[in-house]
Amino acid sequence: MTLDMENLPQDSLSAALYYAQKGYPVFPCGPHKRPLTKHGFKDASTDPDQVFKWWNDTPDALIGMPTGEVTGIDVLDIDDPEEFGAHCLLDLTANTTVKTRKGLHIWFERDPSQPLSSRVRPMPGADTRGDGGYVIVPPSCHAEGAYYFENSAPLKRMPVDLLLRVIKQPKSKAREPDSAVKASKLSFCSMYADKALQSECE
């Protein structure tokens, strides 16, 4: 499935119907990005009648879209671009990018062999939105600003180096992590943060 971002309608109802028509389930959210449906993102639908009813009842609702297996889209939610950029030197500018109030949402094609979960701060400045999560999509607009596509491109899979740093690694039976894991931690966290993490673990 692909989206022609240039032809995305700019009113919420038409845009929600457009996403649904393209096969991406959506659901309404309130001004604080909380779902307005009983079961949250699990109620997301591509049924045009249901979508029409939701936005006819709440015309100003933000458009929510599930991430991960449901849509085949994983999202890197960068709330602090400066902090993230200091710890990630990869060039992600060619990926589909949504401008948010504080930062960016970078969309990736989901890799079924490496499922991404929704996690808070798996690396500095960024959260992940994958299985079990959702994002607000353009042209949603609230008091603090609008969501819009800053760049549109065919979805690509997340670079392996980045993916391995944000996916949840299985717990090791060994008491001490191996040198590769230690190196990964040190390359993406400041020395202060690493020491604080060790202290908390102890």
N, C-alpha and C. Protein backbone atom coordinates (compact mmCIF):
# COMPACT_ATOMS: atom_id res chain seq x y z
N MET A 1 0.83 -1.19 0.00
CA MET A 1 0.00 0.00 0.00
C MET A 1 0.87 1.25 0.00
N THR A 2 0.49 2.22 -0.79
CA THR A 2 1.22 3.48 -0.84
C THR A 2 0.24 4.64 -0.71
N LEU A 3 0.74 5.74 -0.22
CA LEU A 3 -0.06 6.95 -0.07
C LEU A 3 0.50 8.05 -0.96
N ASP A 4 -0.39 8.71 -1.70
CA ASP A 4 0.01 9.87 -2.47
C ASP A 4 -0.18 11.07 -1.55
N MET A 5 0.87 11.47 -0.86
CA MET A 5 0.76 12.51 0.14
C MET A 5 0.36 13.85 -0.46
N GLU A 6 0.73 14.08 -1.72
CA GLU A 6 0.41 15.36 -2.35
C GLU A 6 -1.08 15.54 -2.55
N ASN A 7 -1.80 14.44 -2.66
CA ASN A 7 -3.24 14.50 -2.86
C ASN A 7 -4.03 14.28 -1.58
N LEU A 8 -3.35 14.28 -0.43
CA LEU A 8 -4.03 14.09 0.84
C LEU A 8 -4.94 15.28 1.11
N PRO A 9 -6.24 15.07 1.31
CA PRO A 9 -7.15 16.18 1.62
C PRO A 9 -6.73 16.87 2.91
N GLN A 10 -7.08 18.14 3.02
CA GLN A 10 -6.64 18.92 4.17
C GLN A 10 -7.71 19.12 5.24
N ASP A 11 -8.90 18.56 5.06
CA ASP A 11 -9.87 18.56 6.14
C ASP A 11 -9.91 17.17 6.75
N SER A 12 -10.18 17.12 8.03
CA SER A 12 -10.02 15.87 8.80
C SER A 12 -10.89 14.73 8.28
N LEU A 13 -12.15 14.99 8.01
CA LEU A 13 -13.05 13.93 7.55
C LEU A 13 -12.57 13.34 6.24
N SER A 14 -12.29 14.20 5.27
CA SER A 14 -11.85 13.71 3.95
C SER A 14 -10.53 12.97 4.06
N ALA A 15 -9.62 13.49 4.92
CA ALA A 15 -8.32 12.83 5.08
C ALA A 15 -8.48 11.47 5.74
N ALA A 16 -9.32 11.38 6.76
CA ALA A 16 -9.56 10.10 7.43
C ALA A 16 -10.12 9.07 6.45
N LEU A 17 -11.06 9.52 5.62
CA LEU A 17 -11.64 8.63 4.60
C LEU A 17 -10.58 8.23 3.57
N TYR A 18 -9.68 9.15 3.26
CA TYR A 18 -8.61 8.88 2.30
C TYR A 18 -7.68 7.78 2.82
N TYR A 19 -7.27 7.90 4.08
CA TYR A 19 -6.43 6.86 4.68
C TYR A 19 -7.15 5.52 4.65
N ALA A 20 -8.42 5.51 5.04
CA ALA A 20 -9.20 4.27 5.09
C ALA A 20 -9.31 3.66 3.69
N GLN A 21 -9.53 4.50 2.69
CA GLN A 21 -9.65 4.01 1.32
C GLN A 21 -8.36 3.34 0.85
N LYS A 22 -7.24 3.85 1.33
CA LYS A 22 -5.94 3.30 0.94
C LYS A 22 -5.56 2.06 1.77
N GLY A 23 -6.44 1.67 2.70
CA GLY A 23 -6.20 0.46 3.47
C GLY A 23 -5.55 0.67 4.82
N TYR A 24 -5.45 1.93 5.27
CA TYR A 24 -4.86 2.22 6.57
C TYR A 24 -5.97 2.53 7.57
N PRO A 25 -6.19 1.67 8.56
CA PRO A 25 -7.26 1.91 9.54
C PRO A 25 -6.96 3.14 10.40
N VAL A 26 -8.01 3.90 10.70
CA VAL A 26 -7.87 5.12 11.49
C VAL A 26 -8.91 5.14 12.60
N PHE A 27 -8.74 6.05 13.54
CA PHE A 27 -9.69 6.22 14.64
C PHE A 27 -9.54 7.65 15.17
N PRO A 28 -10.58 8.21 15.79
CA PRO A 28 -10.52 9.59 16.25
C PRO A 28 -9.84 9.73 17.61
N CYS A 29 -9.11 10.84 17.77
CA CYS A 29 -8.46 11.16 19.04
C CYS A 29 -8.83 12.58 19.47
N GLY A 30 -8.82 12.81 20.78
CA GLY A 30 -9.12 14.12 21.32
C GLY A 30 -7.92 15.05 21.22
N PRO A 31 -8.05 16.29 21.69
CA PRO A 31 -6.98 17.29 21.58
C PRO A 31 -5.69 16.92 22.28
N HIS A 32 -5.75 15.99 23.24
CA HIS A 32 -4.54 15.56 23.94
C HIS A 32 -4.02 14.22 23.41
N LYS A 33 -4.47 13.90 22.19
CA LYS A 33 -4.02 12.70 21.47
C LYS A 33 -4.52 11.40 22.08
N ARG A 34 -5.51 11.49 22.97
CA ARG A 34 -6.08 10.28 23.55
C ARG A 34 -7.24 9.78 22.70
N PRO A 35 -7.34 8.47 22.49
CA PRO A 35 -8.42 7.93 21.66
C PRO A 35 -9.81 8.28 22.20
N LEU A 36 -10.72 8.52 21.28
CA LEU A 36 -12.11 8.79 21.64
C LEU A 36 -12.98 7.55 21.51
N THR A 37 -12.35 6.44 21.17
CA THR A 37 -13.08 5.18 21.01
C THR A 37 -12.91 4.33 22.27
N LYS A 38 -13.83 3.42 22.48
CA LYS A 38 -13.86 2.63 23.71
C LYS A 38 -12.59 1.80 23.89
N HIS A 39 -12.11 1.18 22.82
CA HIS A 39 -10.95 0.31 22.92
C HIS A 39 -9.71 0.92 22.26
N GLY A 40 -9.69 2.22 22.17
CA GLY A 40 -8.51 2.89 21.65
C GLY A 40 -8.18 2.50 20.23
N PHE A 41 -6.88 2.35 19.95
CA PHE A 41 -6.45 2.06 18.58
C PHE A 41 -6.95 0.70 18.09
N LYS A 42 -7.39 -0.15 19.01
CA LYS A 42 -7.92 -1.44 18.59
C LYS A 42 -9.24 -1.30 17.84
N ASP A 43 -9.88 -0.14 17.96
CA ASP A 43 -11.13 0.10 17.24
C ASP A 43 -10.89 0.71 15.86
N ALA A 44 -9.65 0.94 15.49
CA ALA A 44 -9.34 1.56 14.20
C ALA A 44 -10.01 0.79 13.07
N SER A 45 -10.48 1.52 12.08
CA SER A 45 -11.27 0.90 11.02
C SER A 45 -10.99 1.51 9.65
N THR A 46 -11.22 0.71 8.61
CA THR A 46 -11.18 1.20 7.23
C THR A 46 -12.59 1.28 6.65
N ASP A 47 -13.59 0.99 7.46
CA ASP A 47 -14.98 1.04 7.03
C ASP A 47 -15.38 2.51 6.84
N PRO A 48 -15.68 2.93 5.62
CA PRO A 48 -15.99 4.35 5.39
C PRO A 48 -17.20 4.84 6.17
N ASP A 49 -18.18 3.98 6.38
CA ASP A 49 -19.37 4.39 7.14
C ASP A 49 -19.00 4.69 8.59
N GLN A 50 -18.16 3.82 9.16
CA GLN A 50 -17.73 4.03 10.54
C GLN A 50 -16.87 5.29 10.65
N VAL A 51 -15.94 5.45 9.71
CA VAL A 51 -15.07 6.63 9.72
C VAL A 51 -15.89 7.90 9.57
N PHE A 52 -16.86 7.88 8.65
CA PHE A 52 -17.72 9.06 8.45
C PHE A 52 -18.47 9.40 9.74
N LYS A 53 -18.99 8.39 10.41
CA LYS A 53 -19.75 8.62 11.64
C LYS A 53 -18.88 9.25 12.71
N TRP A 54 -17.67 8.72 12.87
CA TRP A 54 -16.77 9.26 13.89
C TRP A 54 -16.51 10.74 13.67
N TRP A 55 -16.13 11.11 12.44
CA TRP A 55 -15.76 12.50 12.19
C TRP A 55 -16.97 13.40 11.97
N ASN A 56 -18.09 12.82 11.67
CA ASN A 56 -19.31 13.62 11.62
C ASN A 56 -19.73 14.02 13.04
N ASP A 57 -19.48 13.09 13.99
CA ASP A 57 -19.81 13.36 15.40
C ASP A 57 -18.78 14.30 16.04
N THR A 58 -17.52 14.15 15.66
CA THR A 58 -16.45 14.98 16.24
C THR A 58 -15.56 15.51 15.11
N PRO A 59 -16.01 16.56 14.43
CA PRO A 59 -15.30 17.06 13.23
C PRO A 59 -13.85 17.49 13.48
N ASP A 60 -13.55 17.90 14.71
CA ASP A 60 -12.20 18.39 15.00
C ASP A 60 -11.28 17.30 15.56
N ALA A 61 -11.74 16.06 15.55
CA ALA A 61 -10.92 14.97 16.10
C ALA A 61 -9.61 14.82 15.32
N LEU A 62 -8.55 14.55 16.06
CA LEU A 62 -7.27 14.23 15.43
C LEU A 62 -7.37 12.84 14.82
N ILE A 63 -6.59 12.58 13.80
CA ILE A 63 -6.62 11.28 13.13
C ILE A 63 -5.53 10.39 13.71
N GLY A 64 -5.95 9.31 14.36
CA GLY A 64 -5.00 8.34 14.90
C GLY A 64 -4.86 7.16 13.95
N MET A 65 -3.66 6.61 13.86
CA MET A 65 -3.41 5.43 13.03
C MET A 65 -2.53 4.44 13.78
N PRO A 66 -2.95 3.18 13.89
CA PRO A 66 -2.11 2.19 14.56
C PRO A 66 -0.79 2.00 13.82
N THR A 67 0.22 1.60 14.56
CA THR A 67 1.53 1.30 13.97
C THR A 67 1.81 -0.20 14.13
N GLY A 68 2.90 -0.64 13.53
CA GLY A 68 3.30 -2.03 13.66
C GLY A 68 2.59 -2.96 12.70
N GLU A 69 2.23 -4.12 13.20
CA GLU A 69 1.67 -5.17 12.34
C GLU A 69 0.37 -4.74 11.67
N VAL A 70 -0.44 -3.94 12.33
CA VAL A 70 -1.75 -3.56 11.80
C VAL A 70 -1.64 -2.81 10.48
N THR A 71 -0.67 -1.91 10.37
CA THR A 71 -0.54 -1.09 9.17
C THR A 71 0.73 -1.38 8.37
N GLY A 72 1.67 -2.11 8.97
CA GLY A 72 2.94 -2.35 8.29
C GLY A 72 3.87 -1.16 8.37
N ILE A 73 3.59 -0.24 9.30
CA ILE A 73 4.41 0.97 9.45
C ILE A 73 4.97 1.05 10.87
N ASP A 74 6.29 1.23 10.97
CA ASP A 74 6.95 1.52 12.23
C ASP A 74 7.34 2.99 12.22
N VAL A 75 7.29 3.62 13.37
CA VAL A 75 7.58 5.05 13.43
C VAL A 75 8.61 5.34 14.52
N LEU A 76 9.59 6.16 14.16
CA LEU A 76 10.54 6.69 15.13
C LEU A 76 10.03 8.07 15.51
N ASP A 77 9.63 8.22 16.76
CA ASP A 77 9.03 9.45 17.26
C ASP A 77 10.12 10.28 17.94
N ILE A 78 10.64 11.27 17.22
CA ILE A 78 11.74 12.08 17.72
C ILE A 78 11.18 13.34 18.37
N ASP A 79 11.18 13.39 19.69
CA ASP A 79 10.67 14.54 20.43
C ASP A 79 11.74 15.62 20.61
N ASP A 80 12.99 15.20 20.63
CA ASP A 80 14.09 16.14 20.82
C ASP A 80 15.11 15.91 19.70
N PRO A 81 14.91 16.57 18.54
CA PRO A 81 15.81 16.35 17.40
C PRO A 81 17.27 16.63 17.71
N GLU A 82 17.54 17.63 18.54
CA GLU A 82 18.93 17.97 18.86
C GLU A 82 19.60 16.86 19.66
N GLU A 83 18.89 16.35 20.66
CA GLU A 83 19.45 15.26 21.47
C GLU A 83 19.61 14.00 20.63
N PHE A 84 18.60 13.70 19.82
CA PHE A 84 18.67 12.51 18.98
C PHE A 84 19.83 12.62 17.99
N GLY A 85 19.96 13.79 17.35
CA GLY A 85 21.02 13.97 16.37
C GLY A 85 22.41 13.85 16.96
N ALA A 86 22.54 14.14 18.25
CA ALA A 86 23.84 14.03 18.90
C ALA A 86 24.24 12.58 19.12
N HIS A 87 23.27 11.67 19.06
CA HIS A 87 23.55 10.26 19.33
C HIS A 87 23.31 9.36 18.13
N CYS A 88 22.75 9.91 17.06
CA CYS A 88 22.53 9.12 15.85
C CYS A 88 23.05 9.90 14.66
N LEU A 89 24.05 9.36 13.98
CA LEU A 89 24.67 10.06 12.87
C LEU A 89 24.13 9.60 11.52
N LEU A 90 23.11 8.75 11.51
CA LEU A 90 22.54 8.26 10.26
C LEU A 90 21.75 9.36 9.56
N ASP A 91 21.80 9.38 8.25
CA ASP A 91 21.03 10.33 7.46
C ASP A 91 19.66 9.72 7.17
N LEU A 92 18.62 10.27 7.81
CA LEU A 92 17.26 9.75 7.64
C LEU A 92 16.38 10.70 6.85
N THR A 93 16.99 11.69 6.21
CA THR A 93 16.21 12.73 5.53
C THR A 93 15.46 12.23 4.30
N ALA A 94 15.85 11.07 3.77
CA ALA A 94 15.19 10.55 2.58
C ALA A 94 13.93 9.74 2.91
N ASN A 95 13.66 9.57 4.19
CA ASN A 95 12.49 8.79 4.61
C ASN A 95 11.25 9.67 4.72
N THR A 96 10.09 9.03 4.67
CA THR A 96 8.85 9.76 4.89
C THR A 96 8.88 10.37 6.29
N THR A 97 8.67 11.68 6.35
CA THR A 97 8.81 12.41 7.61
C THR A 97 7.61 13.29 7.86
N VAL A 98 7.08 13.21 9.08
CA VAL A 98 5.96 14.05 9.49
C VAL A 98 6.46 15.05 10.53
N LYS A 99 6.17 16.32 10.30
CA LYS A 99 6.53 17.35 11.28
C LYS A 99 5.47 17.38 12.37
N THR A 100 5.92 17.30 13.61
CA THR A 100 5.02 17.35 14.76
C THR A 100 5.27 18.65 15.53
N ARG A 101 4.57 18.82 16.63
CA ARG A 101 4.73 20.05 17.41
C ARG A 101 6.16 20.23 17.90
N LYS A 102 6.74 19.16 18.45
CA LYS A 102 8.07 19.27 19.05
C LYS A 102 9.18 18.70 18.18
N GLY A 103 8.83 17.84 17.25
CA GLY A 103 9.90 17.17 16.51
C GLY A 103 9.43 16.54 15.22
N LEU A 104 9.73 15.25 15.09
CA LEU A 104 9.46 14.55 13.83
C LEU A 104 8.98 13.14 14.08
N HIS A 105 8.16 12.64 13.16
CA HIS A 105 7.84 11.23 13.07
C HIS A 105 8.48 10.72 11.78
N ILE A 106 9.36 9.75 11.89
CA ILE A 106 9.95 9.16 10.68
C ILE A 106 9.34 7.79 10.48
N TRP A 107 8.73 7.60 9.32
CA TRP A 107 8.00 6.37 9.02
C TRP A 107 8.92 5.36 8.33
N PHE A 108 8.76 4.09 8.71
CA PHE A 108 9.52 3.01 8.09
C PHE A 108 8.60 1.85 7.75
N GLU A 109 8.98 1.09 6.75
CA GLU A 109 8.26 -0.15 6.45
C GLU A 109 8.60 -1.18 7.53
N ARG A 110 7.61 -1.81 8.10
CA ARG A 110 7.83 -2.79 9.16
C ARG A 110 8.56 -4.02 8.61
N ASP A 111 9.52 -4.49 9.37
CA ASP A 111 10.25 -5.71 9.04
C ASP A 111 9.67 -6.84 9.89
N PRO A 112 8.90 -7.77 9.29
CA PRO A 112 8.27 -8.84 10.08
C PRO A 112 9.27 -9.69 10.84
N SER A 113 10.49 -9.77 10.35
CA SER A 113 11.49 -10.60 11.02
C SER A 113 12.10 -9.90 12.22
N GLN A 114 11.90 -8.58 12.30
CA GLN A 114 12.41 -7.81 13.43
C GLN A 114 11.31 -6.87 13.91
N PRO A 115 10.24 -7.42 14.52
CA PRO A 115 9.12 -6.58 14.94
C PRO A 115 9.53 -5.54 15.97
N LEU A 116 9.05 -4.33 15.74
CA LEU A 116 9.38 -3.22 16.64
C LEU A 116 8.22 -3.01 17.60
N SER A 117 8.52 -2.87 18.88
CA SER A 117 7.49 -2.60 19.87
C SER A 117 7.47 -1.10 20.16
N SER A 118 6.42 -0.67 20.85
CA SER A 118 6.32 0.74 21.23
C SER A 118 7.03 0.93 22.56
N ARG A 119 8.07 1.76 22.56
CA ARG A 119 8.89 1.94 23.75
C ARG A 119 9.20 3.42 23.96
N VAL A 120 9.35 3.79 25.22
CA VAL A 120 9.72 5.15 25.58
C VAL A 120 11.24 5.22 25.72
N ARG A 121 11.82 6.12 24.96
CA ARG A 121 13.25 6.41 25.01
C ARG A 121 14.16 5.19 24.93
N PRO A 122 14.03 4.38 23.90
CA PRO A 122 15.02 3.32 23.73
C PRO A 122 16.38 3.90 23.35
N MET A 123 16.37 5.15 22.89
CA MET A 123 17.60 5.89 22.69
C MET A 123 17.31 7.37 22.92
N PRO A 124 18.33 8.17 23.23
CA PRO A 124 18.10 9.56 23.60
C PRO A 124 17.31 10.35 22.56
N GLY A 125 16.30 11.07 23.04
CA GLY A 125 15.53 11.97 22.19
C GLY A 125 14.44 11.34 21.38
N ALA A 126 14.25 10.01 21.48
CA ALA A 126 13.28 9.36 20.59
C ALA A 126 12.56 8.20 21.25
N ASP A 127 11.29 8.04 20.89
CA ASP A 127 10.49 6.87 21.27
C ASP A 127 10.23 6.06 20.00
N THR A 128 9.74 4.85 20.18
CA THR A 128 9.35 4.05 19.02
C THR A 128 7.86 3.77 19.08
N ARG A 129 7.25 3.72 17.92
CA ARG A 129 5.84 3.37 17.79
C ARG A 129 5.75 2.21 16.80
N GLY A 130 5.55 1.02 17.36
CA GLY A 130 5.44 -0.17 16.54
C GLY A 130 4.24 -0.98 16.98
N ASP A 131 4.42 -2.28 17.20
CA ASP A 131 3.32 -3.12 17.66
C ASP A 131 2.77 -2.58 18.98
N GLY A 132 1.45 -2.46 19.05
CA GLY A 132 0.82 -1.99 20.27
C GLY A 132 0.81 -0.49 20.43
N GLY A 133 1.07 0.25 19.36
CA GLY A 133 1.10 1.70 19.47
C GLY A 133 0.33 2.39 18.35
N TYR A 134 0.38 3.71 18.36
CA TYR A 134 -0.26 4.49 17.31
C TYR A 134 0.37 5.87 17.24
N VAL A 135 0.10 6.57 16.14
CA VAL A 135 0.57 7.94 15.97
C VAL A 135 -0.57 8.80 15.45
N ILE A 136 -0.44 10.10 15.63
CA ILE A 136 -1.35 11.06 15.03
C ILE A 136 -0.80 11.39 13.64
N VAL A 137 -1.67 11.42 12.64
CA VAL A 137 -1.21 11.63 11.27
C VAL A 137 -1.77 12.93 10.69
N PRO A 138 -1.10 13.48 9.66
CA PRO A 138 -1.58 14.69 9.00
C PRO A 138 -2.95 14.45 8.35
N PRO A 139 -3.74 15.51 8.21
CA PRO A 139 -3.46 16.91 8.54
C PRO A 139 -4.01 17.30 9.90
N SER A 140 -3.96 16.38 10.86
CA SER A 140 -4.48 16.67 12.20
C SER A 140 -3.92 17.99 12.73
N CYS A 141 -4.77 18.74 13.42
CA CYS A 141 -4.36 20.05 13.91
C CYS A 141 -4.97 20.28 15.30
N HIS A 142 -4.15 20.75 16.23
CA HIS A 142 -4.64 21.09 17.56
C HIS A 142 -4.07 22.44 17.97
N ALA A 143 -4.36 22.85 19.18
CA ALA A 143 -3.99 24.20 19.62
C ALA A 143 -2.49 24.46 19.55
N GLU A 144 -1.68 23.40 19.68
CA GLU A 144 -0.23 23.58 19.73
C GLU A 144 0.43 23.45 18.36
N GLY A 145 -0.35 23.21 17.32
CA GLY A 145 0.24 23.11 15.98
C GLY A 145 -0.38 22.02 15.14
N ALA A 146 0.07 21.95 13.89
CA ALA A 146 -0.47 20.99 12.93
C ALA A 146 0.56 19.92 12.58
N TYR A 147 0.08 18.77 12.18
CA TYR A 147 0.93 17.70 11.67
C TYR A 147 0.91 17.79 10.14
N TYR A 148 2.08 17.73 9.54
CA TYR A 148 2.12 17.75 8.08
C TYR A 148 3.34 16.97 7.58
N PHE A 149 3.23 16.49 6.34
CA PHE A 149 4.34 15.72 5.76
C PHE A 149 5.43 16.68 5.32
N GLU A 150 6.59 16.54 5.92
CA GLU A 150 7.74 17.36 5.55
C GLU A 150 8.47 16.73 4.38
N ASN A 151 8.37 15.42 4.28
CA ASN A 151 8.97 14.70 3.17
C ASN A 151 8.15 13.45 2.90
N SER A 152 7.92 13.15 1.64
CA SER A 152 7.15 11.97 1.27
C SER A 152 7.99 11.10 0.34
N ALA A 153 8.08 9.82 0.66
CA ALA A 153 8.89 8.90 -0.13
C ALA A 153 8.37 7.48 0.08
N PRO A 154 8.66 6.58 -0.86
CA PRO A 154 8.28 5.18 -0.63
C PRO A 154 8.89 4.70 0.69
N LEU A 155 8.11 3.99 1.48
CA LEU A 155 8.60 3.55 2.79
C LEU A 155 9.78 2.60 2.65
N LYS A 156 10.77 2.82 3.49
CA LYS A 156 11.95 1.97 3.52
C LYS A 156 12.03 1.31 4.89
N ARG A 157 12.71 0.21 4.96
CA ARG A 157 12.90 -0.42 6.26
C ARG A 157 13.95 0.35 7.06
N MET A 158 13.81 0.30 8.36
CA MET A 158 14.73 1.00 9.24
C MET A 158 16.14 0.43 9.06
N PRO A 159 17.14 1.28 8.97
CA PRO A 159 18.52 0.78 8.86
C PRO A 159 18.83 -0.19 9.99
N VAL A 160 19.53 -1.25 9.66
CA VAL A 160 19.80 -2.31 10.64
C VAL A 160 20.49 -1.77 11.88
N ASP A 161 21.48 -0.90 11.69
CA ASP A 161 22.21 -0.36 12.84
C ASP A 161 21.27 0.35 13.80
N LEU A 162 20.31 1.09 13.25
CA LEU A 162 19.35 1.80 14.10
C LEU A 162 18.35 0.84 14.71
N LEU A 163 17.87 -0.10 13.92
CA LEU A 163 16.88 -1.06 14.41
C LEU A 163 17.40 -1.85 15.60
N LEU A 164 18.64 -2.29 15.52
CA LEU A 164 19.21 -3.10 16.60
C LEU A 164 19.36 -2.30 17.88
N ARG A 165 19.38 -0.98 17.77
CA ARG A 165 19.52 -0.15 18.96
C ARG A 165 18.19 0.20 19.59
N VAL A 166 17.11 0.08 18.84
CA VAL A 166 15.82 0.48 19.41
C VAL A 166 14.90 -0.70 19.72
N ILE A 167 15.19 -1.89 19.15
CA ILE A 167 14.35 -3.03 19.50
C ILE A 167 14.72 -3.51 20.89
N LYS A 168 13.74 -4.12 21.55
CA LYS A 168 13.97 -4.63 22.90
C LYS A 168 14.73 -5.93 22.81
N GLN A 169 15.92 -5.95 23.37
CA GLN A 169 16.75 -7.13 23.33
C GLN A 169 16.33 -8.12 24.41
N PRO A 170 16.34 -9.44 24.11
CA PRO A 170 16.00 -10.43 25.14
C PRO A 170 17.02 -10.40 26.26
N LYS A 171 16.54 -10.69 27.48
CA LYS A 171 17.43 -10.70 28.64
C LYS A 171 18.45 -11.81 28.52
N SER A 172 19.66 -11.50 28.86
CA SER A 172 20.73 -12.48 28.80
C SER A 172 20.88 -13.15 30.16
N LYS A 173 21.24 -14.43 30.13
CA LYS A 173 21.46 -15.16 31.37
C LYS A 173 22.79 -14.77 32.01
N ALA A 174 23.69 -14.26 31.18
CA ALA A 174 24.99 -13.88 31.70
C ALA A 174 24.86 -12.68 32.62
N ARG A 175 25.72 -12.62 33.61
CA ARG A 175 25.66 -11.51 34.56
C ARG A 175 26.12 -10.20 33.93
N GLU A 176 27.12 -10.31 33.07
CA GLU A 176 27.67 -9.11 32.45
C GLU A 176 27.35 -9.13 30.95
N PRO A 177 26.91 -8.00 30.38
CA PRO A 177 26.68 -7.94 28.94
C PRO A 177 27.99 -8.05 28.20
N ASP A 178 27.96 -8.58 26.97
CA ASP A 178 29.20 -8.73 26.23
C ASP A 178 29.70 -7.37 25.76
N SER A 179 30.91 -7.36 25.22
CA SER A 179 31.55 -6.10 24.86
C SER A 179 30.81 -5.37 23.76
N ALA A 180 30.16 -6.11 22.86
CA ALA A 180 29.44 -5.46 21.76
C ALA A 180 28.26 -4.66 22.28
N VAL A 181 27.54 -5.23 23.25
CA VAL A 181 26.41 -4.52 23.82
C VAL A 181 26.89 -3.31 24.60
N LYS A 182 27.98 -3.47 25.36
CA LYS A 182 28.54 -2.34 26.09
C LYS A 182 28.91 -1.21 25.15
N ALA A 183 29.55 -1.57 24.03
CA ALA A 183 29.98 -0.56 23.07
C ALA A 183 28.78 0.17 22.48
N SER A 184 27.70 -0.59 22.21
CA SER A 184 26.49 0.01 21.66
C SER A 184 25.89 1.01 22.63
N LYS A 185 25.87 0.64 23.93
CA LYS A 185 25.32 1.53 24.94
C LYS A 185 26.13 2.83 25.01
N LEU A 186 27.44 2.67 25.00
CA LEU A 186 28.30 3.84 25.16
C LEU A 186 28.25 4.74 23.95
N SER A 187 27.99 4.16 22.76
CA SER A 187 27.96 4.98 21.56
C SER A 187 26.69 5.77 21.44
N PHE A 188 25.64 5.39 22.16
CA PHE A 188 24.38 6.08 22.05
C PHE A 188 23.92 6.74 23.34
N CYS A 189 24.71 6.66 24.37
CA CYS A 189 24.37 7.33 25.63
C CYS A 189 25.59 8.09 26.11
N SER A 190 25.38 9.15 26.80
CA SER A 190 26.50 9.88 27.38
C SER A 190 27.07 9.06 28.52
N MET A 191 28.29 9.36 28.88
CA MET A 191 28.91 8.65 29.99
C MET A 191 28.10 8.85 31.27
N TYR A 192 27.58 10.04 31.45
CA TYR A 192 26.78 10.33 32.65
C TYR A 192 25.54 9.45 32.69
N ALA A 193 24.85 9.35 31.55
CA ALA A 193 23.62 8.56 31.50
C ALA A 193 23.93 7.08 31.73
N ASP A 194 25.04 6.63 31.18
CA ASP A 194 25.41 5.22 31.34
C ASP A 194 25.69 4.89 32.80
N LYS A 195 26.41 5.80 33.50
CA LYS A 195 26.71 5.57 34.90
C LYS A 195 25.43 5.62 35.75
N ALA A 196 24.53 6.53 35.39
CA ALA A 196 23.27 6.63 36.13
C ALA A 196 22.45 5.36 35.95
N LEU A 197 22.46 4.80 34.73
CA LEU A 197 21.73 3.57 34.46
C LEU A 197 22.30 2.43 35.26
N GLN A 198 23.64 2.31 35.29
CA GLN A 198 24.26 1.25 36.07
C GLN A 198 23.91 1.37 37.54
N SER A 199 23.93 2.60 38.04
CA SER A 199 23.61 2.83 39.45
C SER A 199 22.20 2.40 39.78
N GLU A 200 21.25 2.71 38.87
CA GLU A 200 19.86 2.33 39.09
C GLU A 200 19.71 0.81 39.06
N CYS A 201 20.43 0.15 38.17
CA CYS A 201 20.35 -1.32 38.07
C CYS A 201 20.87 -1.98 39.35
N GLU A 202 22.00 -1.42 39.88
CA GLU A 202 22.55 -1.97 41.12
C GLU A 202 21.59 -1.79 42.28
